[in-house]
Amino acid sequence: MTTQHRTTPSFDRGELSRRIRRVTERTNRDRRVPGVVLGVATDDGDLAVLDSAGEASPGDRYIIASVSKLFTTAIVRQLVDERRLRLDDRVVDVVPGLDLHGLHRHGGVDRTAELRVRHLLDQTSGLADYFDGGVQAELRAGGDRAYSITDVVGIARSNGAEFPPGDRMGRRAAYSDTNFLLLTAIIEAVTGRSFPTAVAERITGPLGLTDTTVFTGTDLDGVLAVHEGSRALSFPLALASEQGAGGIISTLHDQLRFSRAFHTGELFEPRDQGAFTWNRVFPFVDYGAGTMRYQLPRWMSGRRAFPELIGHSGVTGSFLFHSAELGLHLAGTVNQGDAPARPYRLLPRLVAAVRRAQSRP
């Protein structure tokens, strides 16, 4: 793979540690955050600061939830580089063994055959989200159950599609976990490997991510508990079902290492982020080519423009982003599912902290 080189801004290590510590402690003072882990690392990997507060330690394993989608994205882009998959391939052709009939029905028309791989990756498929369509409510209520790709297709099919695949007239996108479980199935069909095996062979093994795995077990011993308000949740059956949509467990160290590989061309051929087609999926969050872009408008960012952050967040309060401007990778989790937007309130504080720790020329 080609590696992109950038000039990495310099930081005062001691000042950076102190600033990160303040953010960690402030975040943990929220009574709904029992434990928080935060980490930053430079593009060159020469400087990393890992911190924690409350019921957490910097080396703890945690559920990265939808940050797992970056792993799925990386493998899809590898397969495209290898010419084993094209973004314009029809989904029905890539996974012929999966019954997708009627999955995408909009305006009384079955448009399933129009679905392309790129629609899944860009969140422009229009498919209903199985997670929001019932699974999430069960988990938040303390329930747990297993579900297969067939179950997911059934839930999405019954809920109907929001708009035609790749609808460019309204430049519409809608965040749907269904897209990434379909991409998981595509990876398995193209590689002939299970998704956990593909991740091990293509990402965690080559990068030496010894604490990162696709969860396939039956208990979550040794993993930081996710909370819903004041209640700790346990959902091993659902987590094992999430696979490439949200089923990976990792650590700060491994997340920062993965982010460096993802954004510098170590895993797949890099592409100029400016060439991506971005579509709004949440306030201040756009989606393109399997990644989120978070950027605050100038009127909200104060004296200095807020840097573009590329990466992903998860419903458990997890996040992994890269700032080319800062030359930094930002990772962490608050292990709290009551407010999925919580990382986006934390990230501006984290950005302000690292900026204050930059060494002056």
Protein backbone atom coordinates (compact mmCIF):
# COMPACT_ATOMS: atom_id res chain seq x y z
CA MET A 1 0.00 0.00 0.00
CA THR A 2 1.06 3.59 -0.61
CA THR A 3 1.77 5.66 2.48
CA GLN A 4 0.94 9.36 2.47
CA HIS A 5 3.39 11.61 4.29
CA ARG A 6 2.36 14.80 6.01
CA THR A 7 4.17 17.34 8.13
CA THR A 8 3.14 16.45 11.66
CA PRO A 9 2.56 19.43 13.96
CA SER A 10 4.67 19.32 17.11
CA PHE A 11 3.23 19.07 20.62
CA ASP A 12 4.59 19.57 24.08
CA ARG A 13 4.18 16.07 25.53
CA GLY A 14 3.70 17.17 29.11
CA GLU A 15 1.26 19.92 28.21
CA LEU A 16 -0.68 17.60 25.94
CA SER A 17 -1.01 15.04 28.75
CA ARG A 18 -2.21 17.72 31.17
CA ARG A 19 -4.75 19.08 28.71
CA ILE A 20 -6.12 15.62 27.86
CA ARG A 21 -6.37 14.87 31.58
CA ARG A 22 -8.58 17.90 32.12
CA VAL A 23 -10.92 16.81 29.35
CA THR A 24 -11.07 13.27 30.73
CA GLU A 25 -11.87 14.43 34.25
CA ARG A 26 -14.48 16.91 33.04
CA THR A 27 -16.18 14.23 30.96
CA ASN A 28 -16.22 11.80 33.87
CA ARG A 29 -17.87 14.37 36.14
CA ASP A 30 -21.07 13.77 34.19
CA ARG A 31 -23.01 11.52 36.55
CA ARG A 32 -24.10 9.35 33.62
CA VAL A 33 -20.51 8.56 32.57
CA PRO A 34 -19.17 5.87 34.92
CA GLY A 35 -15.90 5.55 33.05
CA VAL A 36 -14.17 7.25 30.15
CA VAL A 37 -11.07 6.49 28.09
CA LEU A 38 -9.50 9.04 25.73
CA GLY A 39 -6.44 8.86 23.52
CA VAL A 40 -4.62 10.90 20.91
CA ALA A 41 -1.70 9.97 18.66
CA THR A 42 0.28 11.78 16.00
CA ASP A 43 0.32 10.68 12.37
CA ASP A 44 3.89 9.42 12.70
CA GLY A 45 3.06 7.44 15.86
CA ASP A 46 5.91 9.03 17.79
CA LEU A 47 3.59 10.63 20.34
CA ALA A 48 0.57 9.07 21.98
CA VAL A 49 -1.32 10.06 25.12
CA LEU A 50 -3.80 7.60 26.65
CA ASP A 51 -5.93 8.59 29.62
CA SER A 52 -8.92 7.39 31.63
CA ALA A 53 -11.13 8.28 34.56
CA GLY A 54 -13.77 6.60 36.70
CA GLU A 55 -14.39 2.90 36.25
CA ALA A 56 -11.95 2.53 33.36
CA SER A 57 -8.25 2.21 32.60
CA PRO A 58 -6.36 3.21 29.43
CA GLY A 59 -5.71 -0.43 28.49
CA ASP A 60 -9.28 -1.66 28.95
CA ARG A 61 -11.07 -3.37 26.08
CA TYR A 62 -14.31 -1.71 25.06
CA ILE A 63 -17.11 -2.10 22.53
CA ILE A 64 -16.35 0.23 19.63
CA ALA A 65 -19.88 -0.22 18.20
CA SER A 66 -20.27 1.51 14.80
CA VAL A 67 -16.60 2.44 14.68
CA SER A 68 -16.48 -1.18 13.46
CA LYS A 69 -17.80 0.16 10.15
CA LEU A 70 -14.32 1.54 9.44
CA PHE A 71 -12.98 -2.03 9.49
CA THR A 72 -15.70 -3.07 7.05
CA THR A 73 -14.91 -0.07 4.87
CA ALA A 74 -11.20 -0.91 4.87
CA ILE A 75 -11.83 -4.45 3.64
CA VAL A 76 -14.28 -3.32 0.97
CA ARG A 77 -11.68 -0.85 -0.31
CA GLN A 78 -9.02 -3.57 -0.27
CA LEU A 79 -11.26 -5.78 -2.40
CA VAL A 80 -11.82 -2.89 -4.80
CA ASP A 81 -8.03 -2.37 -5.01
CA GLU A 82 -7.66 -6.09 -5.73
CA ARG A 83 -10.33 -5.84 -8.45
CA ARG A 84 -12.36 -8.53 -6.78
CA LEU A 85 -15.20 -6.09 -6.19
CA ARG A 86 -16.47 -2.95 -7.90
CA LEU A 87 -18.41 -0.19 -6.22
CA ASP A 88 -20.91 -0.30 -9.07
CA ASP A 89 -21.56 -4.04 -8.68
CA ARG A 90 -25.20 -4.86 -8.02
CA VAL A 91 -25.72 -6.21 -4.52
CA VAL A 92 -28.01 -8.99 -5.76
CA ASP A 93 -25.22 -10.23 -8.04
CA VAL A 94 -22.55 -10.28 -5.32
CA VAL A 95 -24.64 -12.19 -2.77
CA PRO A 96 -26.85 -14.42 -4.95
CA GLY A 97 -27.41 -16.87 -2.10
CA LEU A 98 -29.19 -14.24 0.02
CA ASP A 99 -32.90 -13.72 -0.62
CA LEU A 100 -33.21 -9.96 -1.09
CA HIS A 101 -36.51 -9.95 -2.97
CA GLY A 102 -38.61 -6.98 -1.89
CA LEU A 103 -35.89 -5.60 0.40
CA HIS A 104 -36.05 -2.16 -1.20
CA ARG A 105 -39.61 -1.21 -1.96
CA HIS A 106 -40.33 2.46 -2.52
CA GLY A 107 -43.39 4.04 -4.10
CA GLY A 108 -44.85 0.59 -4.66
CA VAL A 109 -41.85 -0.46 -6.77
CA ASP A 110 -39.28 -3.10 -5.82
CA ARG A 111 -35.95 -1.39 -6.51
CA THR A 112 -33.73 -4.01 -4.87
CA ALA A 113 -32.03 -4.84 -8.18
CA GLU A 114 -30.87 -1.19 -8.39
CA LEU A 115 -28.85 -1.39 -5.18
CA ARG A 116 -25.12 -1.05 -5.75
CA VAL A 117 -22.21 -1.61 -3.39
CA ARG A 118 -21.49 2.13 -3.35
CA HIS A 119 -25.03 2.86 -2.12
CA LEU A 120 -24.36 0.74 0.95
CA LEU A 121 -20.97 2.32 1.58
CA ASP A 122 -22.26 5.88 1.14
CA GLN A 123 -25.49 5.39 3.16
CA THR A 124 -27.46 6.34 0.05
CA SER A 125 -29.35 3.05 -0.34
CA GLY A 126 -32.54 4.31 1.28
CA LEU A 127 -32.87 1.00 3.15
CA ALA A 128 -34.58 0.98 6.52
CA ASP A 129 -32.34 0.60 9.57
CA TYR A 130 -32.95 -2.69 11.34
CA PHE A 131 -31.23 -1.35 14.48
CA ASP A 132 -33.47 1.68 14.87
CA GLY A 133 -36.34 -0.45 13.65
CA GLY A 134 -36.59 -2.45 16.87
CA VAL A 135 -33.28 -3.94 17.99
CA GLN A 136 -32.01 -0.79 19.72
CA ALA A 137 -35.14 -0.39 21.83
CA GLU A 138 -34.83 -3.97 23.07
CA LEU A 139 -31.19 -3.50 24.07
CA ARG A 140 -31.87 -0.23 25.85
CA ALA A 141 -34.59 -1.96 27.81
CA GLY A 142 -32.05 -4.53 29.00
CA GLY A 143 -32.93 -7.28 26.53
CA ASP A 144 -30.63 -9.37 24.37
CA ARG A 145 -31.15 -11.58 21.35
CA ALA A 146 -29.29 -12.98 18.39
CA TYR A 147 -30.21 -12.12 14.81
CA SER A 148 -28.94 -13.22 11.43
CA ILE A 149 -28.53 -11.40 8.13
CA THR A 150 -31.79 -13.04 7.08
CA ASP A 151 -33.51 -11.56 10.15
CA VAL A 152 -32.02 -8.15 9.36
CA VAL A 153 -33.23 -8.29 5.77
CA GLY A 154 -36.69 -9.24 7.03
CA ILE A 155 -36.85 -6.28 9.44
CA ALA A 156 -35.66 -3.83 6.78
CA ARG A 157 -38.03 -5.29 4.20
CA SER A 158 -41.04 -4.93 6.50
CA ASN A 159 -40.20 -1.30 7.35
CA GLY A 160 -39.94 -0.15 3.72
CA ALA A 161 -37.35 2.09 2.05
CA GLU A 162 -37.07 5.86 2.51
CA PHE A 163 -36.03 6.83 -1.03
CA PRO A 164 -34.74 5.25 -4.26
CA PRO A 165 -31.18 3.89 -4.24
CA GLY A 166 -28.60 6.59 -4.90
CA ASP A 167 -31.25 9.28 -5.22
CA ARG A 168 -29.23 12.27 -6.44
CA MET A 169 -32.12 14.63 -7.02
CA GLY A 170 -32.39 15.44 -3.35
CA ARG A 171 -28.81 14.39 -2.52
CA ARG A 172 -30.38 12.18 0.11
CA ALA A 173 -28.66 9.87 2.54
CA ALA A 174 -29.97 8.05 5.58
CA TYR A 175 -27.83 6.29 8.14
CA SER A 176 -28.72 2.60 8.19
CA ASP A 177 -26.89 -0.25 9.90
CA THR A 178 -28.59 -2.55 7.38
CA ASN A 179 -26.13 -1.28 4.76
CA PHE A 180 -23.15 -2.52 6.71
CA LEU A 181 -24.49 -5.96 7.56
CA LEU A 182 -25.08 -6.34 3.82
CA LEU A 183 -21.46 -5.24 3.26
CA THR A 184 -20.43 -7.86 5.83
CA ALA A 185 -22.24 -10.49 3.76
CA ILE A 186 -20.56 -9.17 0.61
CA ILE A 187 -17.11 -9.45 2.20
CA GLU A 188 -17.84 -13.06 3.18
CA ALA A 189 -19.13 -13.91 -0.30
CA VAL A 190 -16.16 -12.36 -2.12
CA THR A 191 -13.39 -13.58 0.18
CA GLY A 192 -14.85 -16.98 1.05
CA ARG A 193 -13.97 -16.20 4.68
CA SER A 194 -16.10 -15.42 7.69
CA PHE A 195 -16.06 -11.75 8.61
CA PRO A 196 -14.02 -12.36 11.82
CA THR A 197 -11.46 -14.32 9.80
CA ALA A 198 -11.28 -11.63 7.11
CA VAL A 199 -10.65 -8.96 9.77
CA ALA A 200 -7.94 -11.09 11.37
CA GLU A 201 -6.20 -11.88 8.08
CA ARG A 202 -6.46 -8.44 6.53
CA ILE A 203 -6.30 -5.99 9.44
CA THR A 204 -5.63 -7.11 12.99
CA GLY A 205 -2.95 -9.66 12.07
CA PRO A 206 -0.89 -7.47 9.72
CA LEU A 207 -1.14 -4.46 12.05
CA GLY A 208 -0.45 -6.43 15.23
CA LEU A 209 -3.75 -5.43 16.87
CA THR A 210 -3.64 -8.18 19.49
CA ASP A 211 -6.48 -6.74 21.59
CA THR A 212 -8.94 -6.23 18.74
CA THR A 213 -11.45 -8.90 17.75
CA VAL A 214 -14.83 -9.31 16.13
CA PHE A 215 -16.89 -10.50 19.09
CA THR A 216 -18.21 -14.04 18.70
CA GLY A 217 -18.47 -15.14 22.33
CA THR A 218 -21.28 -15.62 24.82
CA ASP A 219 -20.18 -13.31 27.64
CA LEU A 220 -18.55 -9.92 27.97
CA ASP A 221 -16.18 -10.60 30.86
CA GLY A 222 -13.18 -8.30 30.75
CA VAL A 223 -14.93 -5.73 28.55
CA LEU A 224 -16.01 -2.31 29.84
CA ALA A 225 -19.73 -2.33 30.49
CA VAL A 226 -21.99 -0.11 28.42
CA HIS A 227 -24.61 1.77 30.40
CA GLU A 228 -28.08 3.01 29.59
CA GLY A 229 -28.44 5.79 32.11
CA SER A 230 -27.51 4.29 35.47
CA ARG A 231 -28.06 0.67 34.37
CA ALA A 232 -25.23 -1.52 33.06
CA LEU A 233 -26.22 -3.51 29.98
CA SER A 234 -25.11 -6.94 28.84
CA PHE A 235 -25.93 -7.96 25.28
CA PRO A 236 -23.47 -10.63 24.07
CA LEU A 237 -25.99 -12.25 21.71
CA ALA A 238 -26.74 -8.99 19.92
CA LEU A 239 -23.09 -7.95 19.88
CA ALA A 240 -22.08 -11.26 18.27
CA SER A 241 -24.76 -10.60 15.62
CA GLU A 242 -23.48 -7.12 14.78
CA GLN A 243 -20.31 -8.20 12.93
CA GLY A 244 -19.25 -5.47 10.47
CA ALA A 245 -21.97 -3.06 11.55
CA GLY A 246 -20.87 -2.78 15.17
CA GLY A 247 -19.45 -5.99 16.63
CA ILE A 248 -15.79 -5.23 17.29
CA ILE A 249 -14.04 -4.93 20.66
CA SER A 250 -10.75 -3.05 20.90
CA THR A 251 -8.51 -0.81 23.04
CA LEU A 252 -7.29 2.77 22.75
CA HIS A 253 -3.85 1.63 21.64
CA ASP A 254 -5.21 -0.61 18.90
CA GLN A 255 -7.75 1.97 17.77
CA LEU A 256 -5.11 4.64 17.31
CA ARG A 257 -2.86 2.22 15.43
CA PHE A 258 -5.74 1.20 13.16
CA SER A 259 -6.65 4.83 12.49
CA ARG A 260 -3.09 5.62 11.40
CA ALA A 261 -3.15 2.68 8.98
CA PHE A 262 -6.62 3.58 7.70
CA HIS A 263 -5.81 7.20 6.92
CA THR A 264 -2.24 6.93 5.63
CA GLY A 265 -2.62 4.27 2.95
CA GLU A 266 -1.27 1.30 4.86
CA LEU A 267 -4.42 -0.77 4.39
CA PHE A 268 -5.69 0.36 0.99
CA GLU A 269 -4.85 2.86 -1.71
CA PRO A 270 -5.58 6.33 -0.34
CA ARG A 271 -8.02 8.65 -2.00
CA ASP A 272 -8.33 12.40 -1.62
CA GLN A 273 -11.11 12.97 0.92
CA GLY A 274 -12.07 16.10 -1.00
CA ALA A 275 -13.09 13.89 -3.92
CA PHE A 276 -15.74 12.10 -1.83
CA THR A 277 -19.42 12.88 -2.22
CA TRP A 278 -20.59 13.88 1.24
CA ASN A 279 -24.23 13.79 2.32
CA ARG A 280 -25.71 14.98 5.60
CA VAL A 281 -26.94 12.19 7.90
CA PHE A 282 -26.93 13.95 11.30
CA PRO A 283 -26.47 17.56 12.45
CA PHE A 284 -22.91 18.59 11.47
CA VAL A 285 -22.14 15.00 10.38
CA ASP A 286 -21.84 13.97 6.72
CA TYR A 287 -21.26 10.51 5.29
CA GLY A 288 -19.12 9.42 2.36
CA ALA A 289 -17.29 6.24 1.29
CA GLY A 290 -17.82 4.45 4.60
CA THR A 291 -16.70 7.33 6.82
CA MET A 292 -18.22 10.18 8.79
CA ARG A 293 -17.10 13.78 8.46
CA TYR A 294 -17.66 15.99 11.49
CA GLN A 295 -17.14 19.73 11.21
CA LEU A 296 -18.71 22.59 13.12
CA PRO A 297 -19.69 25.78 11.27
CA ARG A 298 -17.57 28.85 11.90
CA TRP A 299 -20.26 30.55 13.99
CA MET A 300 -20.01 27.68 16.48
CA SER A 301 -16.24 27.27 16.55
CA GLY A 302 -15.08 30.59 17.99
CA ARG A 303 -11.94 32.38 16.84
CA ARG A 304 -10.50 29.40 14.99
CA ALA A 305 -12.23 27.29 12.39
CA PHE A 306 -13.01 23.79 13.61
CA PRO A 307 -10.87 21.20 11.81
CA GLU A 308 -12.43 18.58 9.57
CA LEU A 309 -12.58 15.26 11.42
CA ILE A 310 -12.89 12.03 9.39
CA GLY A 311 -13.73 8.73 11.05
CA HIS A 312 -16.73 7.27 12.85
CA SER A 313 -18.68 7.23 16.10
CA GLY A 314 -20.80 4.58 17.80
CA VAL A 315 -24.02 4.38 19.75
CA THR A 316 -22.10 3.37 22.90
CA GLY A 317 -20.34 6.75 23.00
CA SER A 318 -17.30 5.47 21.10
CA PHE A 319 -15.42 7.46 18.48
CA LEU A 320 -12.35 7.31 16.24
CA PHE A 321 -11.47 10.35 14.13
CA HIS A 322 -8.50 11.77 12.27
CA SER A 323 -7.63 15.43 11.72
CA ALA A 324 -5.24 16.06 8.84
CA GLU A 325 -4.89 19.67 9.98
CA LEU A 326 -3.81 18.68 13.49
CA GLY A 327 -1.92 15.59 12.35
CA LEU A 328 -3.73 13.67 15.09
CA HIS A 329 -5.92 10.64 15.62
CA LEU A 330 -8.55 10.91 18.37
CA ALA A 331 -10.09 7.85 20.04
CA GLY A 332 -12.22 7.05 23.05
CA THR A 333 -15.51 6.05 24.57
CA VAL A 334 -17.80 7.05 27.41
CA ASN A 335 -19.59 3.65 27.46
CA GLN A 336 -22.98 5.33 27.70
CA GLY A 337 -25.78 4.66 25.26
CA ASP A 338 -28.35 7.18 26.46
CA ALA A 339 -27.12 9.96 24.14
CA PRO A 340 -25.35 8.84 20.93
CA ALA A 341 -24.44 12.49 20.20
CA ARG A 342 -22.32 12.71 23.36
CA PRO A 343 -18.98 12.19 21.49
CA TYR A 344 -19.78 15.24 19.38
CA ARG A 345 -19.99 17.38 22.50
CA LEU A 346 -16.72 15.93 23.73
CA LEU A 347 -14.72 16.30 20.51
CA PRO A 348 -14.69 20.14 20.44
CA ARG A 349 -13.21 20.12 23.96
CA LEU A 350 -10.64 17.57 22.88
CA VAL A 351 -9.70 19.60 19.80
CA ALA A 352 -9.34 22.77 21.89
CA ALA A 353 -7.12 20.91 24.35
CA VAL A 354 -4.71 19.58 21.74
CA ARG A 355 -4.51 22.93 20.00
CA ARG A 356 -3.42 24.58 23.26
CA ALA A 357 -0.72 21.93 23.60
CA GLN A 358 0.79 22.60 20.18
CA SER A 359 4.36 23.81 20.38
CA ARG A 360 4.86 27.34 19.11
CA PRO A 361 7.47 27.74 16.36
